[in-house]
Amino acid sequence: MAFLDNSGDIILDAVLTDTGRFRLAKGDGSFKIVKFALADDEINYGLYNKNHPSGSAYYDLEILQSPVFEAFTNNTSTMHNKLLSIPRTDLLYLPVLRINSKDNQGQTTNINSGNDGFVVFVDRTTELSHTGSAVNGGLDGFTGGGQSPKMVRIDQGLDTTEVSYTNQLDPDLFEGQYIVEMDNRLGFVSDNNLNPTPPSFIDDDNIASYYLSLQSNGNYKYVQNIQDVNGDAISNATQAGDGLPSQLIINGPQGSTLMFRIKSSIELTTSDHLFNELGSSGTQADLTNFGTFNNGTYKFIDTIIKVSGFTTGYKIDIPVRFLKKVS
């Protein structure tokens, strides 16, 4: 990774994505650039100086002359903050994504308040290693089914109290499709019974991308309208004059919700190899942030699952710890 000098002439430095290079390598004449993306990861807007003594032409000069990243192809290291063009001029708020840590039809997503993430138990022994049911952010990554499987739930909407949550989110701000990215060596995006859905693409860094939409993905609906999931609670709260229903995390107009489970990979379930190569080990005392666990030795791998909206490009990173009891 390096920076480009942006103090003089404007520089255009572009590269193809992994998918683009793959298609170019076919050599059959079918390669065609149809999409590109812009980002402002390296820009500090705090450098804007409206009190510059030389006048308005210099207010943003320091920003315009900031060094910029060179173009590079590693998708895990570049373009975390993509730019978005919205022609409308009447918007006061833009939708966001939030992890919903509240109840939803018996499915509890207990976010870990200590680390703002989730812990995935990779085998049956680990699933049974905790005492009681109060595990912060605990997800069974091995056993499917159950009356109340814990899931990751992401809600979308306008997170403001200035606009009532009973209002409809504008259609052009509604997320009907999400992209979920995670390390394919560690686990898979799965439905409520831990049936994994096939990834849409796996790059050369073993990062799997899942495109989950409102209309597709088989029998299980990964993406739903929040009104369809929590409509009764919203209606009852409205009639009673209550505030935001307890099941919701977004304060303003509600958009869509994404719900999925994480199934641990066979390699994590049956082997310690990746734990030894990529992870760390600890004891029961090191897991106090998550809850109460039986005595013994545990191995774990910390990773990030990225969720981004296809319409607005809003992205959140979800810390996930894959946990295994080894003794």
Protein backbone atom coordinates (compact mmCIF):
# COMPACT_ATOMS: atom_id res chain seq x y z
CA MET A 1 0.00 0.00 0.00
CA ALA A 2 1.31 3.46 -0.87
CA PHE A 3 0.13 7.04 -1.30
CA LEU A 4 0.12 9.14 -4.47
CA ASP A 5 1.23 12.75 -4.44
CA ASN A 6 -1.86 14.84 -5.10
CA SER A 7 -0.30 18.28 -4.67
CA GLY A 8 0.00 18.97 -8.41
CA ASP A 9 -1.85 17.59 -11.40
CA ILE A 10 -4.90 15.43 -10.86
CA ILE A 11 -4.00 11.74 -10.97
CA LEU A 12 -6.25 8.93 -12.17
CA ASP A 13 -5.06 5.55 -10.94
CA ALA A 14 -7.45 2.66 -11.58
CA VAL A 15 -7.27 -1.13 -11.41
CA LEU A 16 -9.62 -3.98 -12.22
CA THR A 17 -11.27 -5.94 -9.45
CA ASP A 18 -10.59 -9.65 -9.01
CA THR A 19 -13.74 -10.39 -10.97
CA GLY A 20 -12.72 -7.97 -13.72
CA ARG A 21 -9.27 -9.53 -14.11
CA PHE A 22 -10.83 -12.98 -14.16
CA ARG A 23 -13.11 -12.01 -17.03
CA LEU A 24 -10.34 -10.19 -18.89
CA ALA A 25 -8.17 -13.33 -18.67
CA LYS A 26 -10.77 -15.29 -20.65
CA GLY A 27 -9.55 -13.50 -23.76
CA ASP A 28 -12.76 -14.13 -25.65
CA GLY A 29 -13.59 -10.50 -26.33
CA SER A 30 -16.50 -10.48 -23.87
CA PHE A 31 -14.76 -8.27 -21.29
CA LYS A 32 -16.48 -4.93 -20.84
CA ILE A 33 -16.33 -2.42 -17.99
CA VAL A 34 -19.90 -1.78 -16.87
CA LYS A 35 -19.38 -0.53 -13.29
CA PHE A 36 -16.91 1.51 -11.31
CA ALA A 37 -16.80 2.81 -7.75
CA LEU A 38 -15.42 5.87 -5.96
CA ALA A 39 -14.52 6.25 -2.30
CA ASP A 40 -13.15 8.84 0.12
CA ASP A 41 -11.43 6.64 2.69
CA GLU A 42 -8.34 8.87 2.91
CA ILE A 43 -10.17 12.21 3.12
CA ASN A 44 -10.37 14.15 6.40
CA TYR A 45 -13.22 16.64 5.98
CA GLY A 46 -12.19 18.29 9.22
CA LEU A 47 -9.46 20.03 7.20
CA TYR A 48 -12.07 22.26 5.56
CA ASN A 49 -11.19 25.77 6.76
CA LYS A 50 -13.84 28.40 6.13
CA ASN A 51 -11.72 30.93 8.01
CA HIS A 52 -8.73 30.71 5.68
CA PRO A 53 -7.18 34.19 5.42
CA SER A 54 -6.74 33.91 1.63
CA GLY A 55 -10.45 33.55 0.90
CA SER A 56 -12.99 30.96 -0.22
CA ALA A 57 -10.78 29.49 -2.96
CA TYR A 58 -8.55 28.10 -0.22
CA TYR A 59 -11.22 26.69 2.10
CA ASP A 60 -10.89 23.14 0.72
CA LEU A 61 -7.37 23.36 -0.74
CA GLU A 62 -5.80 21.20 1.94
CA ILE A 63 -8.41 18.51 1.32
CA LEU A 64 -7.90 18.64 -2.45
CA GLN A 65 -4.15 18.25 -2.03
CA SER A 66 -4.29 15.38 0.44
CA PRO A 67 -2.27 12.33 -0.63
CA VAL A 68 -4.53 9.57 -1.97
CA PHE A 69 -4.16 5.81 -1.86
CA GLU A 70 -2.77 4.13 -4.90
CA ALA A 71 -5.15 1.73 -6.60
CA PHE A 72 -4.82 -1.86 -5.37
CA THR A 73 -6.91 -4.95 -5.86
CA ASN A 74 -7.19 -6.38 -2.35
CA ASN A 75 -10.91 -5.99 -1.67
CA THR A 76 -10.46 -6.47 2.07
CA SER A 77 -8.28 -3.36 2.35
CA THR A 78 -9.79 -0.79 0.04
CA MET A 79 -12.91 1.30 -0.48
CA HIS A 80 -14.64 1.01 2.86
CA ASN A 81 -16.50 4.29 2.34
CA LYS A 82 -17.93 4.33 -1.17
CA LEU A 83 -19.49 7.50 -2.52
CA LEU A 84 -23.20 7.68 -3.24
CA SER A 85 -25.07 9.95 -5.64
CA ILE A 86 -28.65 10.87 -4.75
CA PRO A 87 -30.42 13.31 -7.10
CA ARG A 88 -33.05 14.25 -4.51
CA THR A 89 -32.58 17.53 -2.65
CA ASP A 90 -35.29 17.06 0.00
CA LEU A 91 -33.52 14.54 2.23
CA LEU A 92 -32.64 15.50 5.78
CA TYR A 93 -31.67 11.97 6.89
CA LEU A 94 -30.16 8.93 5.20
CA PRO A 95 -30.90 5.34 6.23
CA VAL A 96 -28.44 3.37 8.32
CA LEU A 97 -27.93 -0.24 9.37
CA ARG A 98 -28.07 -1.30 13.02
CA ILE A 99 -27.58 -4.64 14.76
CA ASN A 100 -30.90 -5.48 16.42
CA SER A 101 -30.24 -6.98 19.84
CA LYS A 102 -33.92 -7.32 20.77
CA ASP A 103 -36.51 -10.11 20.59
CA ASN A 104 -38.26 -10.99 17.36
CA GLN A 105 -40.89 -13.75 17.27
CA GLY A 106 -38.96 -15.92 19.71
CA GLN A 107 -35.66 -15.43 17.89
CA THR A 108 -33.26 -13.63 20.21
CA THR A 109 -30.20 -11.85 18.91
CA ASN A 110 -28.17 -11.16 22.03
CA ILE A 111 -25.44 -8.77 21.01
CA ASN A 112 -22.38 -8.95 23.21
CA SER A 113 -22.44 -5.64 25.07
CA GLY A 114 -18.77 -5.99 25.93
CA ASN A 115 -17.37 -6.42 22.44
CA ASP A 116 -20.28 -5.43 20.17
CA GLY A 117 -20.22 -8.74 18.34
CA PHE A 118 -21.16 -12.40 18.38
CA VAL A 119 -19.52 -15.65 19.44
CA VAL A 120 -20.12 -18.80 17.34
CA PHE A 121 -19.85 -22.22 19.01
CA VAL A 122 -18.26 -24.46 16.38
CA ASP A 123 -19.18 -27.92 17.73
CA ARG A 124 -21.62 -29.61 20.08
CA THR A 125 -19.12 -29.79 22.94
CA THR A 126 -18.68 -26.03 22.85
CA GLU A 127 -22.43 -25.44 22.54
CA LEU A 128 -22.87 -27.34 25.81
CA SER A 129 -19.87 -25.71 27.52
CA HIS A 130 -21.65 -22.62 28.80
CA THR A 131 -23.70 -22.62 32.00
CA GLY A 132 -27.32 -21.62 31.55
CA SER A 133 -28.71 -19.74 28.57
CA ALA A 134 -27.44 -16.21 29.24
CA VAL A 135 -24.65 -16.06 26.67
CA ASN A 136 -24.08 -12.61 25.25
CA GLY A 137 -24.11 -12.81 21.48
CA GLY A 138 -23.98 -16.62 21.57
CA LEU A 139 -24.80 -18.41 18.30
CA ASP A 140 -24.96 -22.18 17.89
CA GLY A 141 -22.88 -22.82 14.77
CA PHE A 142 -23.20 -26.60 14.76
CA THR A 143 -26.73 -27.64 15.81
CA GLY A 144 -29.63 -26.72 13.54
CA GLY A 145 -33.32 -26.36 14.36
CA GLY A 146 -34.54 -25.58 17.83
CA GLN A 147 -37.57 -23.62 18.90
CA SER A 148 -35.69 -20.37 19.32
CA PRO A 149 -32.50 -20.27 17.25
CA LYS A 150 -30.38 -17.22 17.90
CA MET A 151 -29.62 -15.18 14.83
CA VAL A 152 -27.84 -12.11 13.59
CA ARG A 153 -30.42 -9.46 12.76
CA ILE A 154 -29.62 -6.21 10.93
CA ASP A 155 -32.34 -3.54 10.69
CA GLN A 156 -32.39 -0.67 8.21
CA GLY A 157 -34.13 2.68 8.34
CA LEU A 158 -33.90 6.31 9.43
CA ASP A 159 -32.47 6.32 12.94
CA THR A 160 -33.96 9.60 14.12
CA THR A 161 -36.74 10.62 16.46
CA GLU A 162 -37.53 13.65 14.28
CA VAL A 163 -39.57 11.43 11.92
CA SER A 164 -42.04 8.95 13.40
CA TYR A 165 -41.29 5.25 13.10
CA THR A 166 -44.87 4.79 11.86
CA ASN A 167 -44.06 6.61 8.61
CA GLN A 168 -43.18 4.59 5.53
CA LEU A 169 -39.57 4.69 4.36
CA ASP A 170 -39.32 6.15 0.85
CA PRO A 171 -39.01 3.36 -1.77
CA ASP A 172 -35.75 4.73 -3.20
CA LEU A 173 -34.14 4.46 0.27
CA PHE A 174 -35.41 0.95 1.00
CA GLU A 175 -32.77 -1.81 0.99
CA GLY A 176 -34.09 -4.82 -0.88
CA GLN A 177 -30.72 -6.51 -1.24
CA TYR A 178 -27.65 -6.95 0.94
CA ILE A 179 -24.11 -8.13 0.42
CA VAL A 180 -22.62 -10.21 3.26
CA GLU A 181 -18.88 -10.88 3.18
CA MET A 182 -17.10 -13.37 5.43
CA ASP A 183 -14.07 -15.67 5.53
CA ASN A 184 -15.14 -18.84 3.74
CA ARG A 185 -12.64 -20.94 5.70
CA LEU A 186 -14.42 -20.22 8.98
CA GLY A 187 -18.12 -20.43 8.29
CA PHE A 188 -21.11 -19.84 6.07
CA VAL A 189 -24.24 -17.71 5.97
CA SER A 190 -27.13 -20.03 6.85
CA ASP A 191 -30.88 -20.04 7.33
CA ASN A 192 -32.70 -20.59 10.65
CA ASN A 193 -32.01 -24.35 10.45
CA LEU A 194 -28.29 -23.88 9.66
CA ASN A 195 -28.71 -24.86 6.02
CA PRO A 196 -25.94 -22.87 4.31
CA THR A 197 -26.77 -20.79 1.24
CA PRO A 198 -24.25 -20.95 -1.64
CA PRO A 199 -22.00 -17.88 -1.87
CA SER A 200 -22.27 -15.80 -5.01
CA PHE A 201 -18.51 -15.39 -5.30
CA ILE A 202 -15.32 -16.40 -3.46
CA ASP A 203 -12.25 -14.29 -4.16
CA ASP A 204 -8.56 -15.19 -3.97
CA ASP A 205 -8.46 -14.14 -0.31
CA ASN A 206 -11.12 -16.74 0.59
CA ILE A 207 -13.68 -14.01 1.20
CA ALA A 208 -17.14 -15.25 0.24
CA SER A 209 -19.76 -12.74 -0.91
CA TYR A 210 -23.44 -13.54 -0.43
CA TYR A 211 -26.08 -11.54 -2.30
CA LEU A 212 -29.26 -11.82 -0.25
CA SER A 213 -32.39 -10.19 -1.60
CA LEU A 214 -36.04 -9.64 -0.82
CA GLN A 215 -37.21 -11.77 -3.73
CA SER A 216 -34.84 -14.75 -3.77
CA ASN A 217 -32.69 -17.16 -1.70
CA GLY A 218 -34.96 -20.19 -1.71
CA ASN A 219 -37.43 -21.17 0.99
CA TYR A 220 -35.92 -18.99 3.70
CA LYS A 221 -36.39 -15.22 3.57
CA TYR A 222 -33.10 -13.66 4.61
CA VAL A 223 -34.44 -10.18 3.79
CA GLN A 224 -37.90 -8.99 4.82
CA ASN A 225 -39.79 -5.77 5.26
CA ILE A 226 -39.75 -4.83 8.96
CA GLN A 227 -43.47 -4.05 8.62
CA ASP A 228 -44.03 -7.70 7.65
CA VAL A 229 -42.00 -8.98 10.62
CA ASN A 230 -43.05 -6.57 13.38
CA GLY A 231 -46.19 -5.01 11.90
CA ASP A 232 -48.46 -6.14 14.74
CA ALA A 233 -46.14 -4.65 17.37
CA ILE A 234 -45.97 -1.38 15.45
CA SER A 235 -49.74 -1.25 15.06
CA ASN A 236 -50.40 -2.04 18.73
CA ALA A 237 -47.88 0.54 19.93
CA THR A 238 -49.40 3.15 17.64
CA GLN A 239 -52.94 2.50 18.85
CA ALA A 240 -51.87 2.59 22.49
CA GLY A 241 -49.85 5.76 21.97
CA ASP A 242 -46.70 4.04 23.17
CA GLY A 243 -43.20 4.85 22.00
CA LEU A 244 -40.94 2.67 19.88
CA PRO A 245 -41.89 -1.03 20.18
CA SER A 246 -39.44 -3.07 22.20
CA GLN A 247 -38.60 -5.28 19.20
CA LEU A 248 -37.21 -2.40 17.13
CA ILE A 249 -33.81 -0.71 17.18
CA ILE A 250 -34.35 1.96 14.49
CA ASN A 251 -36.05 5.07 15.93
CA GLY A 252 -37.54 6.46 12.70
CA PRO A 253 -39.19 5.04 9.58
CA GLN A 254 -38.48 1.33 9.24
CA GLY A 255 -36.98 -0.27 6.15
CA SER A 256 -35.93 -3.90 5.74
CA THR A 257 -34.37 -6.43 8.06
CA LEU A 258 -31.69 -9.03 7.32
CA MET A 259 -31.63 -12.17 9.48
CA PHE A 260 -29.19 -15.05 9.18
CA ARG A 261 -27.33 -17.64 11.22
CA ILE A 262 -23.64 -18.55 10.96
CA LYS A 263 -22.73 -22.19 10.40
CA SER A 264 -19.18 -23.14 11.37
CA SER A 265 -17.02 -24.80 8.72
CA ILE A 266 -16.19 -28.50 8.84
CA GLU A 267 -12.53 -27.65 9.36
CA LEU A 268 -13.28 -25.66 12.52
CA THR A 269 -15.61 -28.38 13.78
CA THR A 270 -13.26 -31.31 13.23
CA SER A 271 -9.78 -29.80 13.40
CA ASP A 272 -7.69 -27.33 15.42
CA HIS A 273 -5.49 -26.42 12.45
CA LEU A 274 -7.00 -23.01 11.67
CA PHE A 275 -7.28 -22.19 15.37
CA ASN A 276 -3.54 -22.84 15.70
CA GLU A 277 -2.67 -20.88 12.55
CA LEU A 278 -5.03 -17.91 12.87
CA GLY A 279 -6.34 -17.85 16.42
CA SER A 280 -5.51 -17.75 20.09
CA SER A 281 -6.29 -19.80 23.16
CA GLY A 282 -7.51 -19.03 26.66
CA THR A 283 -9.37 -20.34 29.67
CA GLN A 284 -12.87 -19.97 31.07
CA ALA A 285 -11.76 -16.74 32.78
CA ASP A 286 -11.08 -15.14 29.37
CA LEU A 287 -14.73 -15.56 28.34
CA THR A 288 -16.37 -13.59 31.12
CA ASN A 289 -17.56 -10.90 28.67
CA PHE A 290 -19.73 -13.51 26.96
CA GLY A 291 -21.20 -15.26 29.98
CA THR A 292 -20.42 -18.17 32.29
CA PHE A 293 -18.55 -21.13 30.79
CA ASN A 294 -17.31 -24.44 32.15
CA ASN A 295 -13.67 -24.69 33.19
CA GLY A 296 -11.27 -25.78 30.49
CA THR A 297 -9.17 -24.59 27.58
CA TYR A 298 -10.78 -22.77 24.66
CA LYS A 299 -9.44 -21.79 21.27
CA PHE A 300 -10.88 -18.94 19.25
CA ILE A 301 -10.52 -17.00 16.02
CA ASP A 302 -11.64 -13.38 15.80
CA THR A 303 -12.88 -12.13 12.45
CA ILE A 304 -15.17 -9.56 10.84
CA ILE A 305 -18.35 -10.09 8.85
CA LYS A 306 -19.19 -7.16 6.59
CA VAL A 307 -22.78 -6.30 5.71
CA SER A 308 -23.54 -3.60 3.15
CA GLY A 309 -26.73 -2.37 1.56
CA PHE A 310 -26.92 -2.66 -2.21
CA THR A 311 -28.99 0.52 -2.67
CA THR A 312 -27.34 3.02 -0.34
CA GLY A 313 -23.95 1.36 0.09
CA TYR A 314 -24.13 1.77 3.88
CA LYS A 315 -21.84 -0.79 5.51
CA ILE A 316 -21.31 -2.14 9.00
CA ASP A 317 -18.64 -4.49 10.35
CA ILE A 318 -19.75 -7.21 12.76
CA PRO A 319 -17.03 -8.68 15.03
CA VAL A 320 -17.42 -12.46 15.32
CA ARG A 321 -15.48 -14.91 17.47
CA PHE A 322 -15.46 -18.59 16.48
CA LEU A 323 -15.03 -20.53 19.74
CA LYS A 324 -14.02 -24.14 20.41
CA LYS A 325 -13.59 -25.99 23.72
CA VAL A 326 -10.55 -28.25 23.40
CA SER A 327 -10.14 -29.59 26.94
